[in-house]
């Protein structure tokens, strides 16, 4: 969250237009929010049931097993995944890094591809300390998908909502002790 605040302060100090960071007012807030929630939840299920098993990742995420049935932990983790991850990570990894990359190497298709790959790698690396190699694998895929969407749309709001929904779905799956069930929906 601190990095996101610094990015917003930097944007104000440098008079960088909010639009350059992806803060473009949606045509419809309701459609943007609905699309973000639906995409985020479905993407989490696809990641848990198909992508991560293909990587050979164990169904249970050891870093978050303390959440199973832990009602007392819900307010803190939900705040973290909605504000800290959903908002802050998108501002930093999509908004700021894409803006800086565009200034450095341009916006040609090849430059956009490089930006998507580099920001996905940085996003993945940022998840290693808490989630280990499985977190890196998941974050790399999420970073590539979210980065590709941002590279095409240059819009942040749907991704912020999708990221928050993805993480809230992950918390719900863990809280209700459904990780193994979801992870084995496709591959038994």
C-alpha atoms as a PDB file:
ATOM      1  CA  UNK A   1       0.000   0.000   0.000  1.00  0.00           C
ATOM      2  CA  UNK A   2       2.888   2.347   0.759  1.00  0.00           C
ATOM      3  CA  UNK A   3       4.196   1.988  -2.805  1.00  0.00           C
ATOM      4  CA  UNK A   4       0.762   2.802  -4.240  1.00  0.00           C
ATOM      5  CA  UNK A   5       0.539   5.930  -2.102  1.00  0.00           C
ATOM      6  CA  UNK A   6       4.034   6.939  -3.234  1.00  0.00           C
ATOM      7  CA  UNK A   7       2.992   6.380  -6.865  1.00  0.00           C
ATOM      8  CA  UNK A   8      -0.048   8.606  -6.411  1.00  0.00           C
ATOM      9  CA  UNK A   9       2.060  11.293  -4.706  1.00  0.00           C
ATOM     10  CA  UNK A  10       4.654  10.996  -7.478  1.00  0.00           C
ATOM     11  CA  UNK A  11       1.927  11.392 -10.127  1.00  0.00           C
ATOM     12  CA  UNK A  12       0.648  14.523  -8.424  1.00  0.00           C
ATOM     13  CA  UNK A  13       4.125  15.999  -7.942  1.00  0.00           C
ATOM     14  CA  UNK A  14       5.169  15.313 -11.536  1.00  0.00           C
ATOM     15  CA  UNK A  15       1.793  16.347 -12.934  1.00  0.00           C
ATOM     16  CA  UNK A  16       1.479  12.950 -14.599  1.00  0.00           C
ATOM     17  CA  UNK A  17      -2.091  12.678 -15.848  1.00  0.00           C
ATOM     18  CA  UNK A  18      -4.162  10.075 -13.981  1.00  0.00           C
ATOM     19  CA  UNK A  19      -5.138   8.701 -17.394  1.00  0.00           C
ATOM     20  CA  UNK A  20      -1.482   7.752 -18.004  1.00  0.00           C
ATOM     21  CA  UNK A  21      -1.681   5.487 -14.940  1.00  0.00           C
ATOM     22  CA  UNK A  22      -4.884   3.877 -16.214  1.00  0.00           C
ATOM     23  CA  UNK A  23      -7.355   5.869 -14.141  1.00  0.00           C
ATOM     24  CA  UNK A  24      -9.898   6.345 -16.905  1.00  0.00           C
ATOM     25  CA  UNK A  25     -13.510   6.835 -15.914  1.00  0.00           C
ATOM     26  CA  UNK A  26     -15.492   3.810 -17.098  1.00  0.00           C
ATOM     27  CA  UNK A  27     -18.446   4.264 -19.423  1.00  0.00           C
ATOM     28  CA  UNK A  28     -20.447   2.349 -16.825  1.00  0.00           C
ATOM     29  CA  UNK A  29     -19.258   1.773 -13.264  1.00  0.00           C
ATOM     30  CA  UNK A  30     -21.839  -0.992 -12.815  1.00  0.00           C
ATOM     31  CA  UNK A  31     -20.608  -2.905 -15.895  1.00  0.00           C
ATOM     32  CA  UNK A  32     -16.974  -2.386 -14.908  1.00  0.00           C
ATOM     33  CA  UNK A  33     -17.553  -3.653 -11.369  1.00  0.00           C
ATOM     34  CA  UNK A  34     -19.689  -6.590 -12.546  1.00  0.00           C
ATOM     35  CA  UNK A  35     -17.137  -7.562 -15.201  1.00  0.00           C
ATOM     36  CA  UNK A  36     -14.302  -7.298 -12.691  1.00  0.00           C
ATOM     37  CA  UNK A  37     -16.060  -9.429 -10.074  1.00  0.00           C
ATOM     38  CA  UNK A  38     -17.140 -12.106 -12.557  1.00  0.00           C
ATOM     39  CA  UNK A  39     -13.750 -12.227 -14.280  1.00  0.00           C
ATOM     40  CA  UNK A  40     -11.813 -12.239 -10.995  1.00  0.00           C
ATOM     41  CA  UNK A  41     -13.828 -15.066  -9.412  1.00  0.00           C
ATOM     42  CA  UNK A  42     -13.866 -17.215 -12.563  1.00  0.00           C
ATOM     43  CA  UNK A  43     -10.165 -16.597 -13.153  1.00  0.00           C
ATOM     44  CA  UNK A  44      -9.376 -17.741  -9.592  1.00  0.00           C
ATOM     45  CA  UNK A  45     -11.347 -20.946 -10.084  1.00  0.00           C
ATOM     46  CA  UNK A  46      -9.599 -21.625 -13.417  1.00  0.00           C
ATOM     47  CA  UNK A  47      -6.217 -20.963 -11.825  1.00  0.00           C
ATOM     48  CA  UNK A  48      -6.965 -23.252  -8.855  1.00  0.00           C
ATOM     49  CA  UNK A  49      -8.662 -26.044 -10.824  1.00  0.00           C
ATOM     50  CA  UNK A  50      -6.635 -26.098 -14.050  1.00  0.00           C
ATOM     51  CA  UNK A  51      -3.503 -23.952 -14.214  1.00  0.00           C
ATOM     52  CA  UNK A  52      -1.931 -24.630 -10.829  1.00  0.00           C
ATOM     53  CA  UNK A  53      -2.496 -28.415 -11.011  1.00  0.00           C
ATOM     54  CA  UNK A  54      -0.765 -28.372 -14.416  1.00  0.00           C
ATOM     55  CA  UNK A  55       2.220 -26.779 -12.670  1.00  0.00           C
ATOM     56  CA  UNK A  56       2.141 -29.615 -10.131  1.00  0.00           C
ATOM     57  CA  UNK A  57       1.247 -27.333  -7.240  1.00  0.00           C
ATOM     58  CA  UNK A  58      -0.260 -28.897  -4.121  1.00  0.00           C
ATOM     59  CA  UNK A  59      -3.949 -28.035  -3.611  1.00  0.00           C
ATOM     60  CA  UNK A  60      -3.495 -26.318  -0.231  1.00  0.00           C
ATOM     61  CA  UNK A  61      -1.661 -23.022  -0.008  1.00  0.00           C
ATOM     62  CA  UNK A  62       0.496 -23.489   3.135  1.00  0.00           C
ATOM     63  CA  UNK A  63       0.954 -19.746   3.683  1.00  0.00           C
ATOM     64  CA  UNK A  64      -2.748 -19.246   4.352  1.00  0.00           C
ATOM     65  CA  UNK A  65      -3.926 -22.372   6.158  1.00  0.00           C
ATOM     66  CA  UNK A  66      -4.457 -20.282   9.293  1.00  0.00           C
ATOM     67  CA  UNK A  67      -7.513 -18.815   7.530  1.00  0.00           C
ATOM     68  CA  UNK A  68      -9.526 -22.053   7.542  1.00  0.00           C
ATOM     69  CA  UNK A  69     -12.607 -21.268   9.609  1.00  0.00           C
ATOM     70  CA  UNK A  70     -10.786 -18.342  11.256  1.00  0.00           C
ATOM     71  CA  UNK A  71     -13.477 -15.664  11.455  1.00  0.00           C
ATOM     72  CA  UNK A  72     -11.243 -13.403  13.550  1.00  0.00           C
ATOM     73  CA  UNK A  73      -8.707 -13.205  10.699  1.00  0.00           C
ATOM     74  CA  UNK A  74     -11.254 -12.265   8.010  1.00  0.00           C
ATOM     75  CA  UNK A  75     -11.395  -8.461   8.494  1.00  0.00           C
ATOM     76  CA  UNK A  76      -7.617  -8.095   8.283  1.00  0.00           C
ATOM     77  CA  UNK A  77      -7.106 -10.432   5.351  1.00  0.00           C
ATOM     78  CA  UNK A  78     -10.043  -8.963   3.420  1.00  0.00           C
ATOM     79  CA  UNK A  79      -8.685  -5.436   3.932  1.00  0.00           C
ATOM     80  CA  UNK A  80      -5.281  -6.662   2.765  1.00  0.00           C
ATOM     81  CA  UNK A  81      -6.527  -8.382  -0.384  1.00  0.00           C
ATOM     82  CA  UNK A  82      -9.002  -5.690  -1.394  1.00  0.00           C
ATOM     83  CA  UNK A  83      -6.968  -2.566  -0.667  1.00  0.00           C
ATOM     84  CA  UNK A  84      -3.402  -3.844  -0.402  1.00  0.00           C
ATOM     85  CA  UNK A  85      -3.555  -6.228  -3.330  1.00  0.00           C
ATOM     86  CA  UNK A  86      -6.536  -5.266  -5.457  1.00  0.00           C
ATOM     87  CA  UNK A  87      -5.863  -1.550  -5.473  1.00  0.00           C
ATOM     88  CA  UNK A  88      -2.212  -1.121  -4.535  1.00  0.00           C
ATOM     89  CA  UNK A  89      -0.671  -3.884  -6.645  1.00  0.00           C
ATOM     90  CA  UNK A  90      -2.589  -2.788  -9.732  1.00  0.00           C
ATOM     91  CA  UNK A  91      -1.556   0.845  -9.268  1.00  0.00           C
ATOM     92  CA  UNK A  92       2.100  -0.167  -8.954  1.00  0.00           C
ATOM     93  CA  UNK A  93       2.477  -3.132 -11.324  1.00  0.00           C
ATOM     94  CA  UNK A  94       0.097  -2.094 -14.069  1.00  0.00           C
ATOM     95  CA  UNK A  95      -0.423   1.665 -13.748  1.00  0.00           C
ATOM     96  CA  UNK A  96       2.983   2.985 -12.688  1.00  0.00           C
ATOM     97  CA  UNK A  97       5.293   0.415 -14.288  1.00  0.00           C
ATOM     98  CA  UNK A  98       3.432   0.541 -17.608  1.00  0.00           C
ATOM     99  CA  UNK A  99       3.568   4.349 -17.593  1.00  0.00           C
ATOM    100  CA  UNK A 100       7.303   4.350 -16.825  1.00  0.00           C
ATOM    101  CA  UNK A 101       7.962   1.660 -19.417  1.00  0.00           C
ATOM    102  CA  UNK A 102       6.049   3.619 -22.065  1.00  0.00           C
ATOM    103  CA  UNK A 103       8.260   6.643 -21.355  1.00  0.00           C
ATOM    104  CA  UNK A 104      11.410   4.502 -21.499  1.00  0.00           C
ATOM    105  CA  UNK A 105      10.817   2.128 -24.426  1.00  0.00           C
ATOM    106  CA  UNK A 106       7.617   3.410 -26.035  1.00  0.00           C
ATOM    107  CA  UNK A 107       4.235   1.932 -26.771  1.00  0.00           C
ATOM    108  CA  UNK A 108       4.847  -0.031 -29.953  1.00  0.00           C
ATOM    109  CA  UNK A 109       3.473  -3.590 -29.867  1.00  0.00           C
ATOM    110  CA  UNK A 110       6.922  -5.093 -29.191  1.00  0.00           C
ATOM    111  CA  UNK A 111       7.484  -2.609 -26.343  1.00  0.00           C
ATOM    112  CA  UNK A 112       4.104  -3.487 -24.862  1.00  0.00           C
ATOM    113  CA  UNK A 113       4.962  -7.207 -24.984  1.00  0.00           C
ATOM    114  CA  UNK A 114       8.268  -6.564 -23.210  1.00  0.00           C
ATOM    115  CA  UNK A 115       6.435  -4.465 -20.617  1.00  0.00           C
ATOM    116  CA  UNK A 116       3.885  -7.222 -19.972  1.00  0.00           C
ATOM    117  CA  UNK A 117       6.644  -9.820 -19.531  1.00  0.00           C
ATOM    118  CA  UNK A 118       8.873  -7.667 -17.317  1.00  0.00           C
ATOM    119  CA  UNK A 119       6.027  -6.443 -15.087  1.00  0.00           C
ATOM    120  CA  UNK A 120       4.685 -10.001 -14.752  1.00  0.00           C
ATOM    121  CA  UNK A 121       8.144 -11.182 -13.680  1.00  0.00           C
ATOM    122  CA  UNK A 122       8.414  -8.395 -11.100  1.00  0.00           C
ATOM    123  CA  UNK A 123       4.879  -9.113  -9.873  1.00  0.00           C
ATOM    124  CA  UNK A 124       5.732 -12.809  -9.546  1.00  0.00           C
ATOM    125  CA  UNK A 125       8.978 -12.107  -7.695  1.00  0.00           C
ATOM    126  CA  UNK A 126       7.126  -9.889  -5.225  1.00  0.00           C
ATOM    127  CA  UNK A 127       5.052 -12.914  -4.160  1.00  0.00           C
ATOM    128  CA  UNK A 128       7.992 -15.197  -3.352  1.00  0.00           C
ATOM    129  CA  UNK A 129       8.680 -14.138   0.242  1.00  0.00           C
ATOM    130  CA  UNK A 130       5.154 -14.898   1.465  1.00  0.00           C
ATOM    131  CA  UNK A 131       3.998 -17.661  -0.882  1.00  0.00           C
ATOM    132  CA  UNK A 132       7.144 -19.360  -2.144  1.00  0.00           C
ATOM    133  CA  UNK A 133       7.470 -20.916  -5.585  1.00  0.00           C
ATOM    134  CA  UNK A 134       3.729 -21.719  -5.992  1.00  0.00           C
ATOM    135  CA  UNK A 135       2.932 -18.057  -5.320  1.00  0.00           C
ATOM    136  CA  UNK A 136       5.490 -17.028  -7.930  1.00  0.00           C
ATOM    137  CA  UNK A 137       3.955 -19.383 -10.493  1.00  0.00           C
ATOM    138  CA  UNK A 138       0.437 -18.147  -9.846  1.00  0.00           C
ATOM    139  CA  UNK A 139       1.464 -14.483  -9.783  1.00  0.00           C
ATOM    140  CA  UNK A 140       3.376 -14.904 -13.064  1.00  0.00           C
ATOM    141  CA  UNK A 141       0.254 -16.147 -14.839  1.00  0.00           C
ATOM    142  CA  UNK A 142      -1.935 -13.501 -13.209  1.00  0.00           C
ATOM    143  CA  UNK A 143       0.637 -10.832 -14.083  1.00  0.00           C
ATOM    144  CA  UNK A 144       0.729 -11.936 -17.725  1.00  0.00           C
ATOM    145  CA  UNK A 145      -3.070 -11.994 -18.026  1.00  0.00           C
ATOM    146  CA  UNK A 146      -3.681  -8.724 -16.173  1.00  0.00           C
ATOM    147  CA  UNK A 147      -0.730  -7.104 -17.950  1.00  0.00           C
ATOM    148  CA  UNK A 148      -2.050  -8.164 -21.349  1.00  0.00           C
ATOM    149  CA  UNK A 149      -5.478  -6.740 -20.512  1.00  0.00           C
ATOM    150  CA  UNK A 150      -3.912  -3.470 -19.370  1.00  0.00           C
ATOM    151  CA  UNK A 151      -1.655  -3.347 -22.445  1.00  0.00           C
ATOM    152  CA  UNK A 152      -4.751  -3.511 -24.650  1.00  0.00           C
ATOM    153  CA  UNK A 153      -7.157  -1.334 -22.645  1.00  0.00           C
ATOM    154  CA  UNK A 154      -4.921   1.083 -20.665  1.00  0.00           C
ATOM    155  CA  UNK A 155      -7.678   1.014 -18.052  1.00  0.00           C
ATOM    156  CA  UNK A 156      -7.128   0.115 -14.422  1.00  0.00           C
ATOM    157  CA  UNK A 157     -10.540   0.034 -12.719  1.00  0.00           C
ATOM    158  CA  UNK A 158     -11.743  -3.346 -14.018  1.00  0.00           C
ATOM    159  CA  UNK A 159      -8.376  -4.872 -13.128  1.00  0.00           C
ATOM    160  CA  UNK A 160      -8.503  -3.432  -9.610  1.00  0.00           C
ATOM    161  CA  UNK A 161     -11.930  -4.995  -9.089  1.00  0.00           C
ATOM    162  CA  UNK A 162     -10.872  -8.280 -10.760  1.00  0.00           C
ATOM    163  CA  UNK A 163      -7.733  -8.510  -8.619  1.00  0.00           C
ATOM    164  CA  UNK A 164      -9.720  -7.897  -5.439  1.00  0.00           C
ATOM    165  CA  UNK A 165     -12.384 -10.431  -6.497  1.00  0.00           C
ATOM    166  CA  UNK A 166      -9.679 -12.990  -7.381  1.00  0.00           C
ATOM    167  CA  UNK A 167      -8.132 -12.630  -3.930  1.00  0.00           C
ATOM    168  CA  UNK A 168     -11.461 -12.565  -2.069  1.00  0.00           C
ATOM    169  CA  UNK A 169     -12.423 -15.772  -3.907  1.00  0.00           C
ATOM    170  CA  UNK A 170      -9.082 -17.272  -2.817  1.00  0.00           C
ATOM    171  CA  UNK A 171      -9.784 -16.298   0.794  1.00  0.00           C
ATOM    172  CA  UNK A 172     -13.294 -17.798   0.601  1.00  0.00           C
ATOM    173  CA  UNK A 173     -11.960 -21.052  -0.862  1.00  0.00           C
ATOM    174  CA  UNK A 174      -9.441 -21.316   1.958  1.00  0.00           C
ATOM    175  CA  UNK A 175     -11.791 -20.136   4.724  1.00  0.00           C
ATOM    176  CA  UNK A 176     -14.414 -22.736   3.816  1.00  0.00           C
ATOM    177  CA  UNK A 177     -11.697 -25.394   3.440  1.00  0.00           C
ATOM    178  CA  UNK A 178     -12.499 -25.990  -0.249  1.00  0.00           C
ATOM    179  CA  UNK A 179      -8.981 -25.845  -1.676  1.00  0.00           C
ATOM    180  CA  UNK A 180      -8.679 -29.545  -2.373  1.00  0.00           C
ATOM    181  CA  UNK A 181     -12.181 -29.750  -3.848  1.00  0.00           C
ATOM    182  CA  UNK A 182     -11.622 -26.819  -6.200  1.00  0.00           C
ATOM    183  CA  UNK A 183      -8.120 -27.999  -7.112  1.00  0.00           C
ATOM    184  CA  UNK A 184      -9.576 -31.380  -8.134  1.00  0.00           C
ATOM    185  CA  UNK A 185     -12.569 -30.117 -10.122  1.00  0.00           C
ATOM    186  CA  UNK A 186     -10.847 -30.994 -13.409  1.00  0.00           C
ATOM    187  CA  UNK A 187      -7.910 -33.215 -12.546  1.00  0.00           C
ATOM    188  CA  UNK A 188      -8.606 -35.944  -9.992  1.00  0.00           C
END
